[in-house]
Amino acid sequence: MEYVLIALLVILAVLAAVILYLYRKNGKIMKDTVSACLEELKKSFKITEKDAGKFSRIKISGIMNFNVKKYETESLGNLCVMTMNMGLMQMVSFILTPMRETCRCCPSTSCTS
């Protein structure tokens, strides 16, 4: 019975080590992805980071924490980068809200031509 308990503890320790390794590795990949995407956008657009205010850290159900950064992209619109890094649940989202452009043939914003 002792050996079974020891074997289970060893298995749990190995599993915890693997999870920690993946957590750190994926966290670095997430940061690198955000940096690479922003650098790519900066090649074509002027990007200015803005204060997301009370939305810079969103907490859901007390355990899920989302970090939000807001950017203004000149002539493109607003960019929101949302990250969540919670153990094996990790994500990066880029949300682009384009500027509303007026019609090229008239000053209307509801023209369909």
N, C-alpha and C. Protein backbone atom coordinates (compact mmCIF):
# COMPACT_ATOMS: atom_id res chain seq x y z
N MET A 1 0.82 -1.20 0.00
CA MET A 1 0.00 0.00 0.00
C MET A 1 0.87 1.27 0.00
N GLU A 2 2.00 1.20 0.71
CA GLU A 2 2.93 2.33 0.75
C GLU A 2 3.45 2.67 -0.64
N TYR A 3 3.78 1.61 -1.40
CA TYR A 3 4.37 1.82 -2.72
C TYR A 3 3.37 2.46 -3.69
N VAL A 4 2.12 2.12 -3.54
CA VAL A 4 1.08 2.71 -4.38
C VAL A 4 0.97 4.20 -4.09
N LEU A 5 1.00 4.56 -2.83
CA LEU A 5 0.92 5.97 -2.43
C LEU A 5 2.13 6.74 -2.93
N ILE A 6 3.30 6.16 -2.80
CA ILE A 6 4.53 6.80 -3.28
C ILE A 6 4.48 6.96 -4.81
N ALA A 7 4.01 5.93 -5.50
CA ALA A 7 3.90 6.00 -6.96
C ALA A 7 2.92 7.09 -7.38
N LEU A 8 1.81 7.20 -6.69
CA LEU A 8 0.85 8.26 -7.00
C LEU A 8 1.44 9.65 -6.76
N LEU A 9 2.17 9.81 -5.68
CA LEU A 9 2.82 11.10 -5.39
C LEU A 9 3.85 11.44 -6.46
N VAL A 10 4.60 10.45 -6.92
CA VAL A 10 5.58 10.68 -7.97
C VAL A 10 4.88 11.09 -9.26
N ILE A 11 3.81 10.40 -9.60
CA ILE A 11 3.05 10.73 -10.81
C ILE A 11 2.49 12.15 -10.71
N LEU A 12 1.95 12.52 -9.58
CA LEU A 12 1.42 13.88 -9.39
C LEU A 12 2.53 14.92 -9.50
N ALA A 13 3.70 14.64 -8.95
CA ALA A 13 4.82 15.57 -9.02
C ALA A 13 5.28 15.76 -10.47
N VAL A 14 5.35 14.66 -11.22
CA VAL A 14 5.74 14.75 -12.64
C VAL A 14 4.70 15.54 -13.42
N LEU A 15 3.44 15.27 -13.18
CA LEU A 15 2.37 16.00 -13.86
C LEU A 15 2.42 17.49 -13.54
N ALA A 16 2.66 17.84 -12.28
CA ALA A 16 2.77 19.25 -11.90
C ALA A 16 3.96 19.90 -12.59
N ALA A 17 5.07 19.19 -12.70
CA ALA A 17 6.26 19.74 -13.37
C ALA A 17 5.99 19.98 -14.85
N VAL A 18 5.29 19.05 -15.51
CA VAL A 18 4.95 19.20 -16.93
C VAL A 18 4.03 20.40 -17.13
N ILE A 19 3.04 20.54 -16.27
CA ILE A 19 2.10 21.67 -16.37
C ILE A 19 2.83 22.99 -16.18
N LEU A 20 3.72 23.05 -15.20
CA LEU A 20 4.50 24.28 -14.97
C LEU A 20 5.37 24.60 -16.17
N TYR A 21 6.01 23.59 -16.73
CA TYR A 21 6.86 23.79 -17.91
C TYR A 21 6.04 24.35 -19.07
N LEU A 22 4.89 23.72 -19.35
CA LEU A 22 4.04 24.17 -20.46
C LEU A 22 3.50 25.57 -20.21
N TYR A 23 3.14 25.87 -18.96
CA TYR A 23 2.63 27.18 -18.58
C TYR A 23 3.65 28.26 -18.91
N ARG A 24 4.89 28.02 -18.51
CA ARG A 24 5.94 29.02 -18.76
C ARG A 24 6.26 29.13 -20.25
N LYS A 25 6.36 28.00 -20.93
CA LYS A 25 6.68 28.00 -22.35
C LYS A 25 5.59 28.70 -23.15
N ASN A 26 4.33 28.35 -22.90
CA ASN A 26 3.23 28.99 -23.62
C ASN A 26 3.10 30.47 -23.28
N GLY A 27 3.38 30.83 -22.02
CA GLY A 27 3.35 32.24 -21.64
C GLY A 27 4.33 33.06 -22.46
N LYS A 28 5.54 32.51 -22.67
CA LYS A 28 6.54 33.20 -23.49
C LYS A 28 6.08 33.29 -24.94
N ILE A 29 5.49 32.21 -25.45
CA ILE A 29 4.99 32.22 -26.83
C ILE A 29 3.90 33.28 -26.99
N MET A 30 3.02 33.39 -25.99
CA MET A 30 1.96 34.39 -26.05
C MET A 30 2.55 35.80 -26.11
N LYS A 31 3.52 36.10 -25.24
CA LYS A 31 4.14 37.43 -25.24
C LYS A 31 4.84 37.70 -26.57
N ASP A 32 5.54 36.71 -27.09
CA ASP A 32 6.23 36.88 -28.37
C ASP A 32 5.25 37.11 -29.51
N THR A 33 4.10 36.43 -29.47
CA THR A 33 3.07 36.59 -30.50
C THR A 33 2.51 38.01 -30.49
N VAL A 34 2.20 38.51 -29.30
CA VAL A 34 1.67 39.88 -29.18
C VAL A 34 2.70 40.87 -29.71
N SER A 35 3.96 40.72 -29.31
CA SER A 35 5.01 41.64 -29.77
C SER A 35 5.18 41.59 -31.28
N ALA A 36 5.19 40.37 -31.84
CA ALA A 36 5.36 40.23 -33.29
C ALA A 36 4.20 40.86 -34.06
N CYS A 37 2.99 40.64 -33.59
CA CYS A 37 1.81 41.22 -34.27
C CYS A 37 1.83 42.74 -34.20
N LEU A 38 2.15 43.28 -33.04
CA LEU A 38 2.21 44.74 -32.91
C LEU A 38 3.31 45.33 -33.79
N GLU A 39 4.46 44.66 -33.85
CA GLU A 39 5.55 45.15 -34.70
C GLU A 39 5.15 45.12 -36.17
N GLU A 40 4.43 44.09 -36.57
CA GLU A 40 3.97 43.99 -37.96
C GLU A 40 3.00 45.13 -38.28
N LEU A 41 2.08 45.41 -37.36
CA LEU A 41 1.14 46.51 -37.57
C LEU A 41 1.86 47.86 -37.61
N LYS A 42 2.89 48.01 -36.79
CA LYS A 42 3.64 49.28 -36.73
C LYS A 42 4.35 49.58 -38.04
N LYS A 43 4.59 48.56 -38.85
CA LYS A 43 5.22 48.79 -40.15
C LYS A 43 4.32 49.60 -41.07
N SER A 44 3.01 49.49 -40.88
CA SER A 44 2.07 50.16 -41.79
C SER A 44 1.24 51.25 -41.13
N PHE A 45 1.12 51.21 -39.79
CA PHE A 45 0.25 52.15 -39.10
C PHE A 45 0.93 52.71 -37.86
N LYS A 46 0.58 53.94 -37.55
CA LYS A 46 1.05 54.53 -36.30
C LYS A 46 0.16 53.99 -35.18
N ILE A 47 0.76 53.37 -34.17
CA ILE A 47 0.00 52.77 -33.07
C ILE A 47 0.34 53.49 -31.78
N THR A 48 -0.71 53.90 -31.05
CA THR A 48 -0.55 54.58 -29.78
C THR A 48 -1.32 53.81 -28.71
N GLU A 49 -0.61 53.44 -27.65
CA GLU A 49 -1.30 52.72 -26.56
C GLU A 49 -2.14 53.71 -25.77
N LYS A 50 -3.36 53.32 -25.47
CA LYS A 50 -4.30 54.13 -24.70
C LYS A 50 -4.63 53.42 -23.39
N ASP A 51 -5.09 54.17 -22.43
CA ASP A 51 -5.49 53.59 -21.14
C ASP A 51 -6.84 52.89 -21.29
N ALA A 52 -6.89 51.63 -20.92
CA ALA A 52 -8.15 50.88 -20.99
C ALA A 52 -9.00 51.11 -19.74
N GLY A 53 -8.48 51.87 -18.79
CA GLY A 53 -9.23 52.22 -17.59
C GLY A 53 -9.64 51.01 -16.78
N LYS A 54 -10.89 50.99 -16.38
CA LYS A 54 -11.38 49.90 -15.53
C LYS A 54 -11.43 48.56 -16.27
N PHE A 55 -11.28 48.59 -17.59
CA PHE A 55 -11.31 47.35 -18.37
C PHE A 55 -9.92 46.76 -18.59
N SER A 56 -8.88 47.37 -18.02
CA SER A 56 -7.53 46.85 -18.22
C SER A 56 -7.33 45.50 -17.55
N ARG A 57 -8.12 45.20 -16.56
CA ARG A 57 -8.08 43.87 -15.92
C ARG A 57 -9.52 43.46 -15.64
N ILE A 58 -9.98 42.44 -16.35
CA ILE A 58 -11.35 41.97 -16.20
C ILE A 58 -11.32 40.64 -15.46
N LYS A 59 -12.09 40.56 -14.40
CA LYS A 59 -12.15 39.33 -13.61
C LYS A 59 -13.54 38.72 -13.78
N ILE A 60 -13.57 37.44 -14.15
CA ILE A 60 -14.84 36.73 -14.34
C ILE A 60 -14.88 35.53 -13.40
N SER A 61 -15.96 35.38 -12.70
CA SER A 61 -16.18 34.28 -11.76
C SER A 61 -15.11 34.21 -10.68
N GLY A 62 -14.39 35.28 -10.47
CA GLY A 62 -13.40 35.32 -9.41
C GLY A 62 -12.11 34.59 -9.70
N ILE A 63 -12.05 33.81 -10.77
CA ILE A 63 -10.84 33.04 -11.04
C ILE A 63 -10.20 33.33 -12.38
N MET A 64 -10.98 33.82 -13.34
CA MET A 64 -10.45 34.10 -14.67
C MET A 64 -10.11 35.58 -14.78
N ASN A 65 -8.83 35.87 -14.99
CA ASN A 65 -8.37 37.25 -15.11
C ASN A 65 -7.92 37.52 -16.54
N PHE A 66 -8.53 38.51 -17.16
CA PHE A 66 -8.18 38.91 -18.51
C PHE A 66 -7.44 40.24 -18.43
N ASN A 67 -6.29 40.32 -19.09
CA ASN A 67 -5.55 41.57 -19.17
C ASN A 67 -5.83 42.19 -20.53
N VAL A 68 -6.19 43.46 -20.52
CA VAL A 68 -6.60 44.13 -21.75
C VAL A 68 -5.72 45.35 -21.98
N LYS A 69 -5.22 45.46 -23.20
CA LYS A 69 -4.49 46.66 -23.61
C LYS A 69 -5.21 47.24 -24.81
N LYS A 70 -5.32 48.55 -24.82
CA LYS A 70 -6.05 49.25 -25.88
C LYS A 70 -5.07 50.09 -26.67
N TYR A 71 -5.22 50.06 -27.99
CA TYR A 71 -4.36 50.83 -28.87
C TYR A 71 -5.21 51.58 -29.88
N GLU A 72 -4.73 52.74 -30.27
CA GLU A 72 -5.36 53.49 -31.36
C GLU A 72 -4.43 53.36 -32.55
N THR A 73 -4.96 52.91 -33.66
CA THR A 73 -4.16 52.77 -34.87
C THR A 73 -4.63 53.82 -35.87
N GLU A 74 -3.70 54.67 -36.25
CA GLU A 74 -4.02 55.78 -37.15
C GLU A 74 -4.57 55.26 -38.47
N SER A 75 -5.69 55.76 -38.87
CA SER A 75 -6.40 55.45 -40.12
C SER A 75 -6.88 54.00 -40.22
N LEU A 76 -6.78 53.23 -39.15
CA LEU A 76 -7.26 51.86 -39.18
C LEU A 76 -8.41 51.66 -38.20
N GLY A 77 -8.26 52.15 -36.98
CA GLY A 77 -9.31 52.00 -35.98
C GLY A 77 -8.74 51.70 -34.60
N ASN A 78 -9.54 51.07 -33.78
CA ASN A 78 -9.11 50.72 -32.43
C ASN A 78 -8.69 49.25 -32.38
N LEU A 79 -7.64 48.99 -31.63
CA LEU A 79 -7.14 47.63 -31.46
C LEU A 79 -7.16 47.30 -29.97
N CYS A 80 -7.68 46.14 -29.66
CA CYS A 80 -7.72 45.66 -28.28
C CYS A 80 -6.98 44.33 -28.25
N VAL A 81 -6.04 44.20 -27.33
CA VAL A 81 -5.31 42.94 -27.17
C VAL A 81 -5.68 42.38 -25.80
N MET A 82 -6.30 41.22 -25.80
CA MET A 82 -6.74 40.60 -24.56
C MET A 82 -5.97 39.31 -24.36
N THR A 83 -5.39 39.16 -23.16
CA THR A 83 -4.67 37.94 -22.83
C THR A 83 -5.22 37.35 -21.55
N MET A 84 -5.11 36.03 -21.46
CA MET A 84 -5.51 35.33 -20.24
C MET A 84 -4.54 34.17 -20.09
N ASN A 85 -3.93 34.09 -18.92
CA ASN A 85 -2.91 33.08 -18.68
C ASN A 85 -3.22 32.42 -17.34
N MET A 86 -3.98 31.32 -17.40
CA MET A 86 -4.42 30.66 -16.17
C MET A 86 -4.13 29.17 -16.27
N GLY A 87 -2.91 28.79 -15.90
CA GLY A 87 -2.57 27.38 -15.98
C GLY A 87 -2.58 26.88 -17.41
N LEU A 88 -3.35 25.85 -17.67
CA LEU A 88 -3.43 25.32 -19.03
C LEU A 88 -4.42 26.08 -19.89
N MET A 89 -5.20 26.97 -19.30
CA MET A 89 -6.13 27.81 -20.06
C MET A 89 -5.44 29.13 -20.36
N GLN A 90 -4.96 29.26 -21.60
CA GLN A 90 -4.24 30.45 -22.02
C GLN A 90 -4.79 30.92 -23.35
N MET A 91 -4.81 32.24 -23.55
CA MET A 91 -5.30 32.75 -24.83
C MET A 91 -4.78 34.15 -25.09
N VAL A 92 -4.73 34.48 -26.36
CA VAL A 92 -4.43 35.84 -26.82
C VAL A 92 -5.46 36.16 -27.88
N SER A 93 -6.10 37.32 -27.76
CA SER A 93 -7.08 37.76 -28.76
C SER A 93 -6.73 39.16 -29.23
N PHE A 94 -6.76 39.35 -30.53
CA PHE A 94 -6.61 40.67 -31.12
C PHE A 94 -7.98 41.05 -31.67
N ILE A 95 -8.52 42.16 -31.21
CA ILE A 95 -9.83 42.60 -31.65
C ILE A 95 -9.65 43.97 -32.31
N LEU A 96 -9.97 44.04 -33.58
CA LEU A 96 -9.82 45.29 -34.34
C LEU A 96 -11.20 45.83 -34.67
N THR A 97 -11.45 47.07 -34.26
CA THR A 97 -12.69 47.75 -34.59
C THR A 97 -12.35 48.83 -35.61
N PRO A 98 -12.65 48.59 -36.88
CA PRO A 98 -12.29 49.56 -37.92
C PRO A 98 -13.03 50.88 -37.76
N MET A 99 -12.38 51.94 -38.23
CA MET A 99 -13.03 53.25 -38.24
C MET A 99 -14.14 53.23 -39.26
N ARG A 100 -15.18 53.97 -38.99
CA ARG A 100 -16.27 54.07 -39.96
C ARG A 100 -15.86 55.08 -41.01
N GLU A 101 -15.79 54.62 -42.22
CA GLU A 101 -15.36 55.48 -43.31
C GLU A 101 -16.55 56.06 -44.04
N THR A 102 -16.43 57.28 -44.48
CA THR A 102 -17.49 57.85 -45.30
C THR A 102 -17.36 57.31 -46.71
N CYS A 103 -18.45 57.38 -47.43
CA CYS A 103 -18.49 56.90 -48.81
C CYS A 103 -17.52 57.70 -49.66
N ARG A 104 -16.88 57.04 -50.61
CA ARG A 104 -15.90 57.73 -51.47
C ARG A 104 -16.59 58.61 -52.53
N CYS A 105 -17.89 58.32 -52.81
CA CYS A 105 -18.54 59.09 -53.87
C CYS A 105 -19.42 60.21 -53.33
N CYS A 106 -19.72 60.20 -52.04
CA CYS A 106 -20.54 61.27 -51.46
C CYS A 106 -20.25 61.35 -49.94
N PRO A 107 -20.68 62.39 -49.26
CA PRO A 107 -20.36 62.55 -47.84
C PRO A 107 -21.20 61.66 -46.91
N SER A 108 -22.07 60.83 -47.45
CA SER A 108 -22.96 60.01 -46.62
C SER A 108 -22.19 58.85 -45.97
N THR A 109 -22.60 58.47 -44.76
CA THR A 109 -22.00 57.30 -44.10
C THR A 109 -22.88 56.08 -44.28
N SER A 110 -24.01 56.22 -44.97
CA SER A 110 -24.90 55.08 -45.16
C SER A 110 -25.09 54.73 -46.64
N CYS A 111 -24.26 55.28 -47.50
CA CYS A 111 -24.34 55.01 -48.93
C CYS A 111 -23.94 53.57 -49.20
N THR A 112 -24.63 52.90 -50.12
CA THR A 112 -24.32 51.51 -50.42
C THR A 112 -23.67 51.36 -51.79
N SER A 113 -23.38 52.45 -52.45
CA SER A 113 -22.78 52.35 -53.80
C SER A 113 -21.28 52.18 -53.72
